[in-house]
């Protein structure tokens, strides 16, 4: 049995993503075969293809963000590919500014932080993930930010009295997982920039 509710949740996330990635991959392969045979084309197929690509990118991202994380390493190329596909045709973009492979547990924290930044940048913007020595810095810039102080305060306080919506689950997970790893989440915001570090 897992040692904690958090670990159990991680295993659930891993299981869901693992079970979904295969059928979505099969749909994508089927679309490619139809395209090569010339039997299917047009805006309908393009829409299906775009939707499958988006779902695949999200599952790859969620598998790291919400799944169980060991100490295996994830390469910069793989991470950049996930982020490129995730933000394709989006008003937002994310740049992975780290070339060396990183521990999956650290990448998970960075992905959760990125999700927090997305919440504050509903009209789009740019995110840069970097390391400053041992410290991770995830910086989001946008022309307009919307910051809910109660939700953002969770990163420092982990206030159990605040009821989270599903769209804000990352604000509960990020500090909890960081704390399990002996790390402290800090955040600060200006009119056009939000920074999360750990």
Protein backbone atom coordinates (compact mmCIF):
# COMPACT_ATOMS: atom_id res chain seq x y z
CA UNK A 1 0.00 0.00 0.00
CA UNK A 2 1.30 3.53 -0.75
CA UNK A 3 2.67 5.43 2.20
CA UNK A 4 0.46 8.51 1.81
CA UNK A 5 -2.64 9.89 0.13
CA UNK A 6 -0.34 11.99 -2.06
CA UNK A 7 1.56 8.95 -3.28
CA UNK A 8 -1.72 7.15 -3.91
CA UNK A 9 -2.95 10.11 -5.99
CA UNK A 10 0.29 10.01 -7.99
CA UNK A 11 -0.26 6.34 -8.77
CA UNK A 12 -3.82 7.07 -9.91
CA UNK A 13 -2.53 9.82 -12.20
CA UNK A 14 0.07 7.48 -13.68
CA UNK A 15 -2.51 4.75 -14.27
CA UNK A 16 -4.98 7.06 -16.02
CA UNK A 17 -2.33 8.54 -18.31
CA UNK A 18 -0.85 5.11 -19.07
CA UNK A 19 -4.24 3.71 -20.02
CA UNK A 20 -5.20 6.69 -22.20
CA UNK A 21 -1.98 7.15 -24.16
CA UNK A 22 -2.28 3.86 -26.07
CA UNK A 23 -5.78 4.37 -27.55
CA UNK A 24 -5.01 7.98 -28.43
CA UNK A 25 -1.81 6.84 -30.13
CA UNK A 26 -3.81 4.22 -32.03
CA UNK A 27 -6.28 6.87 -33.25
CA UNK A 28 -3.38 8.99 -34.44
CA UNK A 29 -1.83 6.03 -36.26
CA UNK A 30 -5.20 5.31 -37.89
CA UNK A 31 -5.46 8.89 -39.10
CA UNK A 32 -1.98 8.67 -40.61
CA UNK A 33 -2.89 5.46 -42.44
CA UNK A 34 -6.08 7.05 -43.80
CA UNK A 35 -4.11 10.07 -44.93
CA UNK A 36 -1.48 7.93 -46.69
CA UNK A 37 -4.14 5.86 -48.46
CA UNK A 38 -5.84 9.00 -49.74
CA UNK A 39 -9.25 7.82 -48.55
CA UNK A 40 -9.79 10.62 -46.08
CA UNK A 41 -8.99 14.31 -46.24
CA UNK A 42 -10.62 17.65 -45.63
CA UNK A 43 -11.36 19.94 -42.68
CA UNK A 44 -13.07 17.18 -40.71
CA UNK A 45 -9.94 15.03 -40.71
CA UNK A 46 -7.81 18.05 -39.88
CA UNK A 47 -10.03 18.79 -36.89
CA UNK A 48 -9.80 15.19 -35.66
CA UNK A 49 -6.04 15.18 -36.18
CA UNK A 50 -5.57 18.45 -34.29
CA UNK A 51 -7.74 17.20 -31.42
CA UNK A 52 -5.86 13.91 -31.15
CA UNK A 53 -2.53 15.76 -31.21
CA UNK A 54 -3.69 18.10 -28.46
CA UNK A 55 -4.96 15.21 -26.31
CA UNK A 56 -1.70 13.32 -26.76
CA UNK A 57 0.36 16.37 -25.77
CA UNK A 58 -1.75 16.94 -22.66
CA UNK A 59 -1.47 13.33 -21.56
CA UNK A 60 2.33 13.39 -21.98
CA UNK A 61 2.42 16.56 -19.87
CA UNK A 62 -0.03 15.25 -17.24
CA UNK A 63 1.85 11.96 -16.98
CA UNK A 64 4.82 13.87 -15.58
CA UNK A 65 2.87 16.53 -13.66
CA UNK A 66 0.42 14.19 -11.93
CA UNK A 67 2.07 10.77 -12.17
CA UNK A 68 4.42 8.95 -9.83
CA UNK A 69 7.94 10.30 -10.19
CA UNK A 70 11.03 8.26 -9.52
CA UNK A 71 14.58 9.41 -9.85
CA UNK A 72 14.87 8.60 -13.56
CA UNK A 73 16.14 11.42 -15.76
CA UNK A 74 14.18 13.27 -18.44
CA UNK A 75 16.10 14.83 -21.31
CA UNK A 76 15.75 18.45 -22.36
CA UNK A 77 14.75 17.44 -25.89
CA UNK A 78 11.84 15.33 -24.65
CA UNK A 79 10.62 18.09 -22.33
CA UNK A 80 10.87 20.74 -25.06
CA UNK A 81 8.91 18.45 -27.39
CA UNK A 82 6.13 18.04 -24.81
CA UNK A 83 5.91 21.79 -24.23
CA UNK A 84 6.02 22.60 -27.96
CA UNK A 85 3.14 20.22 -28.68
CA UNK A 86 1.19 21.36 -25.61
CA UNK A 87 1.25 25.03 -26.61
CA UNK A 88 0.84 24.53 -30.34
CA UNK A 89 -1.78 27.00 -31.65
CA UNK A 90 -2.01 28.61 -28.20
CA UNK A 91 -1.71 32.21 -27.06
CA UNK A 92 0.85 31.00 -24.53
CA UNK A 93 4.32 29.56 -25.00
CA UNK A 94 6.81 27.84 -22.72
CA UNK A 95 10.57 27.60 -23.13
CA UNK A 96 12.60 24.93 -21.33
CA UNK A 97 15.86 26.79 -20.77
CA UNK A 98 17.78 23.79 -19.39
CA UNK A 99 19.81 21.58 -21.70
CA UNK A 100 20.94 18.89 -19.25
CA UNK A 101 18.67 15.96 -18.30
CA UNK A 102 16.78 16.53 -15.05
CA UNK A 103 15.25 14.24 -12.45
CA UNK A 104 11.63 13.44 -13.22
CA UNK A 105 10.65 14.52 -9.69
CA UNK A 106 12.07 18.00 -10.36
CA UNK A 107 10.44 18.22 -13.79
CA UNK A 108 7.11 17.35 -12.16
CA UNK A 109 7.45 20.32 -9.80
CA UNK A 110 8.35 22.59 -12.71
CA UNK A 111 5.31 21.39 -14.70
CA UNK A 112 3.00 22.00 -11.74
CA UNK A 113 4.49 25.48 -11.33
CA UNK A 114 3.92 26.09 -15.02
CA UNK A 115 0.26 25.15 -14.56
CA UNK A 116 0.00 27.65 -11.71
CA UNK A 117 1.42 30.36 -13.95
CA UNK A 118 -1.10 29.50 -16.68
CA UNK A 119 -3.88 30.25 -14.18
CA UNK A 120 -2.56 33.77 -13.72
CA UNK A 121 -2.08 34.30 -17.48
CA UNK A 122 -5.53 33.54 -18.99
CA UNK A 123 -4.90 35.78 -22.01
CA UNK A 124 -1.63 34.11 -22.90
CA UNK A 125 1.99 35.01 -22.34
CA UNK A 126 5.42 33.47 -22.18
CA UNK A 127 6.91 31.13 -19.60
CA UNK A 128 10.61 30.43 -19.14
CA UNK A 129 11.87 27.55 -16.98
CA UNK A 130 15.47 27.93 -15.77
CA UNK A 131 17.82 26.83 -13.04
CA UNK A 132 19.98 29.18 -11.02
CA UNK A 133 22.46 26.78 -9.43
CA UNK A 134 20.31 24.39 -7.39
CA UNK A 135 17.31 26.71 -7.49
CA UNK A 136 14.52 26.35 -10.05
CA UNK A 137 12.95 29.55 -11.40
CA UNK A 138 9.75 29.47 -13.47
CA UNK A 139 8.97 32.93 -14.82
CA UNK A 140 5.76 33.95 -16.62
CA UNK A 141 5.34 37.28 -18.42
CA UNK A 142 2.15 38.66 -19.93
CA UNK A 143 0.57 41.99 -20.78
CA UNK A 144 -2.26 41.23 -18.36
CA UNK A 145 -2.26 38.98 -15.31
CA UNK A 146 -5.14 37.88 -13.09
CA UNK A 147 -3.98 36.84 -9.63
CA UNK A 148 -6.35 35.39 -7.04
CA UNK A 149 -4.46 36.10 -3.78
CA UNK A 150 -6.24 33.35 -1.83
CA UNK A 151 -5.24 30.64 -4.30
CA UNK A 152 -1.69 31.93 -4.71
CA UNK A 153 -1.27 32.11 -0.93
CA UNK A 154 -1.67 28.31 -0.88
CA UNK A 155 1.81 27.93 -2.34
CA UNK A 156 3.23 29.25 0.92
CA UNK A 157 0.59 28.36 3.50
CA UNK A 158 -1.09 25.14 2.23
CA UNK A 159 -4.24 26.37 4.00
CA UNK A 160 -6.47 23.27 4.33
CA UNK A 161 -9.60 25.40 4.84
CA UNK A 162 -9.60 26.70 1.26
CA UNK A 163 -11.69 24.49 -1.03
CA UNK A 164 -9.95 24.06 -4.36
CA UNK A 165 -11.72 23.74 -7.69
CA UNK A 166 -10.45 21.02 -10.08
CA UNK A 167 -8.89 23.76 -12.23
CA UNK A 168 -6.70 24.78 -9.27
CA UNK A 169 -5.50 21.38 -8.05
CA UNK A 170 -1.91 22.31 -8.96
CA UNK A 171 -1.93 24.93 -6.19
CA UNK A 172 -2.50 22.19 -3.63
CA UNK A 173 -0.18 19.60 -5.16
CA UNK A 174 2.86 21.79 -5.82
CA UNK A 175 3.59 22.82 -2.21
CA UNK A 176 2.67 19.36 -0.87
CA UNK A 177 5.05 17.54 -3.23
CA UNK A 178 7.75 20.16 -2.70
CA UNK A 179 7.45 19.76 1.07
CA UNK A 180 7.80 15.98 0.73
CA UNK A 181 11.05 16.66 -1.12
CA UNK A 182 12.30 19.10 1.51
CA UNK A 183 11.70 22.16 -0.67
CA UNK A 184 9.84 25.43 -0.10
CA UNK A 185 7.81 27.13 -2.82
CA UNK A 186 8.07 30.90 -3.13
CA UNK A 187 6.18 33.15 -5.52
CA UNK A 188 6.00 36.83 -6.35
CA UNK A 189 4.03 38.85 -8.85
CA UNK A 190 4.15 42.28 -10.47
CA UNK A 191 1.73 43.77 -12.99
CA UNK A 192 3.27 41.81 -15.87
CA UNK A 193 5.35 39.00 -14.34
CA UNK A 194 4.86 36.04 -12.02
CA UNK A 195 7.81 34.06 -10.67
CA UNK A 196 7.68 30.73 -8.84
CA UNK A 197 10.86 29.25 -7.43
CA UNK A 198 11.86 26.30 -5.27
